Protein backbone atom coordinates (compact mmCIF):
# COMPACT_ATOMS: atom_id res chain seq x y z
CA MET A 1 -7.35 76.47 1.54
CA ILE A 2 -4.22 74.59 2.53
CA HIS A 3 -4.69 75.33 6.24
CA LEU A 4 -8.37 74.39 6.05
CA ASP A 5 -7.48 71.08 4.40
CA LYS A 6 -4.92 70.29 7.10
CA GLY A 7 -7.39 71.16 9.87
CA PHE A 8 -10.11 69.07 8.22
CA SER A 9 -7.84 66.04 7.89
CA ARG A 10 -6.69 66.46 11.49
CA GLY A 11 -10.34 66.56 12.58
CA ASN A 12 -11.10 63.37 10.69
CA GLY A 13 -8.12 61.67 12.34
CA MET A 14 -9.46 62.66 15.77
CA ILE A 15 -12.90 61.29 14.93
CA GLU A 16 -11.40 58.01 13.72
CA PHE A 17 -9.31 57.85 16.91
CA LEU A 18 -12.39 58.35 19.11
CA VAL A 19 -14.34 55.71 17.18
CA ALA A 20 -11.47 53.22 17.50
CA LEU A 21 -11.18 53.99 21.22
CA LEU A 22 -14.92 53.42 21.69
CA VAL A 23 -14.77 50.10 19.82
CA ASN A 24 -11.82 48.92 21.92
CA TYR A 25 -13.68 49.97 25.11
CA LEU A 26 -16.76 48.00 24.08
CA ILE A 27 -14.65 44.93 23.27
CA ILE A 28 -12.93 45.09 26.69
CA ILE A 29 -16.29 45.48 28.47
CA ASN A 30 -17.63 42.49 26.51
CA ILE A 31 -14.64 40.35 27.55
CA TYR A 32 -15.05 41.34 31.21
CA TYR A 33 -18.81 40.61 31.00
CA GLN A 34 -18.18 37.12 29.60
CA LEU A 35 -15.59 36.41 32.31
CA SER A 36 -17.99 37.57 35.03
CA GLU A 37 -20.77 35.41 33.57
CA ARG A 38 -18.47 32.39 33.83
CA GLY A 39 -17.76 33.25 37.47
CA ILE A 40 -14.07 33.94 36.87
CA ILE A 41 -14.20 37.54 38.08
CA TRP A 42 -16.75 39.72 39.82
CA PRO A 43 -18.90 41.88 37.54
CA GLY A 44 -18.34 44.89 39.81
CA TYR A 45 -15.73 47.60 39.22
CA PHE A 46 -15.80 46.80 35.46
CA GLY A 47 -14.62 43.28 36.24
CA LEU A 48 -11.22 44.37 37.51
CA LEU A 49 -11.56 42.60 40.85
CA PHE A 50 -10.85 38.89 40.78
CA ARG A 51 -13.22 36.59 42.65
CA PRO A 52 -11.66 35.60 46.00
CA ASN A 53 -11.09 31.92 46.71
């Protein structure tokens, strides 16, 4: 029972980690999308390329 409880809690921690990682990824994509809409950076390559002068 003790080992099962530890494994279950470890599994929940992994699920919470994946959910937090997904939320952070969506927030970063949203920021890059807003910057590309304003013409600050190109929308391509996930917005990592800055618009040339």
